[in-house]
Amino acid sequence: MNNFLSKFIFIIIILTGISGCKSEIKRTNKKQLVVSILPLKYFAEQIAGKNFEVSVLVPPGSSAENFEPTPREMTDLSKCNMYITTGNFGFDNVLMEKISALNPKLKIIDVSKGIQLINSTNNIHNEKTFINVADPHIWLSPQMAKIIARNIFAGLSSKFPLLKSTFYLNYQNLISDIDSLDKTIKKSLLQYKNRKFIIYHPALAYFARDYGLEQFSMEVDGKEPTPQNLSNLIDLAKKENIHVVFIQKEFDIKMAKAFAQEINGKIIEINVLSPNWLVNMKYITQSLIKSFNSQ
């Protein structure tokens, strides 16, 4: 009997551990919104307000680049009131088709609508033609964030018209915060116009476009750095006196450290999936300024 009880407890512990690894889609009495990635939760919560529960499909700490939802997550997602997505990660195309089939009435908001997308090709290539894929990191740009907010506001207002006035007030407050942030960043980066920086995974293309900077990435089209690309980047770093490599914790920090040693520099870790978008954008700005001042 004791042996049976021990096995039973062991199974319960295992099942509890497994459930803790899943995304945070919740069951609640509040209206349920699900966003694809953590930063979108910030925008959805700011606009939707306290009458909504906002969950995140891609779990914190996971990479959206190679995420695959489980069947359980697909079922839970199809039962929510609205799904809000950037629309440009690899899992999005297949996912949206599947959840539409499970629930044709589900409101899906693609926040990239109306955004001039950047093709996610590396700046340094050698006599090769690469397939252009839309860069999904649109939230890392205050100017694009305003379009994201507008799309979420429009989607919520369409789905819940009785709450449109509340959404609008929240939306205006959010836009005011974004405009204030944008003004501060422009002022801070004005003297660094056309400066170059190196990053492992090319997540700051929209930010660079906003503020007149140039991003160069170690990755090539989503793949590990090639010897040729690393050699070109080393030459660039020496020419431009660059001593910082930006890295996200989801990627190969060992390779970034080795590269930083090669250019007599250091790494700075940034979290592009931070839940506090406003604070994170300030941190990224200050980190870039710090890197430029080390040149």
Foldseek 3Di string as FASTA:
>chain_A
DVVVVVVVVVVVVVVVVVVVPAWDLDDDPAQEEEEAFQQVQLLLCLQVDDRYDYTYHAHPPDDLQDDDHDPVSLLSNLPGQEYEYCQFHPRNVVSVVSSCVVHVNHHYFNLCPPPPFDFPFFPDDDPDDDDTGTQSLQLLALVSVLSSSVRSLVSVCVSPVVCNVSSVVSSVVVNVLSVVLLVVLLVLCVVVAAEEAEEAHPNCPNVCVSRRYHYGHQDGPPHHHDPVSLVVVLVVCVVRVFQEYEYEPNDDVVVVQVSNVSNVHYYDYAHSRDNPSSVRSVVVSVVVVVRVVND
